[in-house]
Amino acid sequence: MPLFYEILSPSGLTDTPGFQAAAVAADIRRKGTDRLDLTVVYSEAPCTAAGVFTQHALPAAPVVQCRQALQTGKPLHGFVANSGNANACTGEEGLKDATAMQRTLAQALGADGDAFFVSSTGRIGQPLPMDAILPGIKDAAGKLGATFHHGLNAADAILTSDTRRKVVSVKVPVGDREVTLSAMAKGAGMIEPNMATMLAFIATDAQIEQPFLQELLSASVVDTFNAISVDGDMSTNDTVLVLANGQSGVAVERDSEAATAFTAALQHVCQRLARMIVGDGERISKVVEIKVLGAARQEDATKVARAIGNSLLVKSSWYGNDPNWGRVLDAAGYAGVPMREDQIELYYRASGKTPAIPAFVKARLYPELKPTWKQIVSLPTFTIELHLNQGEASQRFFSTDLTEGYVDYNKSE
């Protein structure tokens, strides 16, 4: 029996028993449209929760609120999230607004005042239109449901520059019962998580203690959300939250078979969402897998992969279908990791199963293979492998090209 399997037509967080959702068009952007921009997700059963947040020095007010909610150790019942306004760099007023959102939802649902998380995404440096948001929260709370439609609406309401919703759900068989994990995310620009503008929410009906859930989430983001880049800009609002309401009755305890399966499922969900985010990068045309192999330390592999994936010169050459492997090695060389020309090897692959085409192998050049490199770099997805030949550590990282469409989109109001 597999450790887990995906639901083929996921509906977001409402796939997990006990979770309800609703979304409304509160007109947070003040453009007079019917675009969904505020969602409420609720579990009547109390939840244990875990979170991972941006390392930005100026975290947005909702990030501060989420951290505080976790620190109380009290059960949580869900969250409210809005798009169109990040509530970031908004000072004391922003903190008051985040608290008001939390308490308005709690009051509408008859729960404790600090029983909910708050998340926001959108433009930085503008005060929230609370005259639209607070009525919107009450409206959404009155429309809560557990249907397919409500779950997809919730996933749509958190989008900003995204072109499509991002949802995934899995089932984990445990004996004669099963655990569900369902998730939704948003993110397309400002993607350089270092836990972009990135939000991810995961719901599960597992019974799991908070310290263990936090441990599993923190481990899961390392090679998923923290191994992608679109434009190299970290956001003030990056948030990944997991809520576990225990409704399945399945206890996920350390060193158990259930924990092994749950860990694999959580890693899979985070990886799927991360790939959806990087694949929906703002105006991109390519997704590039970067594999750094044979590093002396994990830290070294990560530094090199991130340097390559964030290089504007490298990303621009990918957009131009130019293999220009010299730029790749240049980026690797300034990552701050010792390396030698007579040790490193650089290869291009059309996919994981195709032959590796050498570009630079221990100081040997292959100029006759340039047409093949160009064919590979012209594909919408391809892989670059860099072997440092110093040890056993490795890092898999996903990045994108950089297009004039990205510049045009982000220069506009």
Foldseek 3Di string as FASTA:
>chain_A
DDQKDWDPDDLFPLVAPQKWKAWFCLCQLVPPDRFTWKMWIFGPFFWQKAKQWFPDPFAALLVVLVVVLNVVVDTATTEMEGEAEFNTPVPPLSNVLQLVLQQLLCVLVVHDSSRYGYGYYHDPDDDTPSVRRSVRSSVGSVVIDSDSVRSNSNQRNREDLFPDWAKIKMWGDDPPFIKIKIKTKYAAPQQQGDSRCIEMEIEMQEAEDNVVVNVLVVVLCVQFSNFEEEANGHDSGYMYMYIHSNNRVHYQDPPDSNVVSVSVVSSVRRNRRRVSRQVRHQPFQAKEKEKEWQAPDQVLQSLLSVQQQNDQVNLQCLVVLALPCVVSVVSSVPSPGDADLQQKWKWKFLDPPGDTHTAGHRNDGDVVCRVVSSVSSPDRYIYMYMYRNHHGHMGIHMHTHDDVSNVVVVVDD
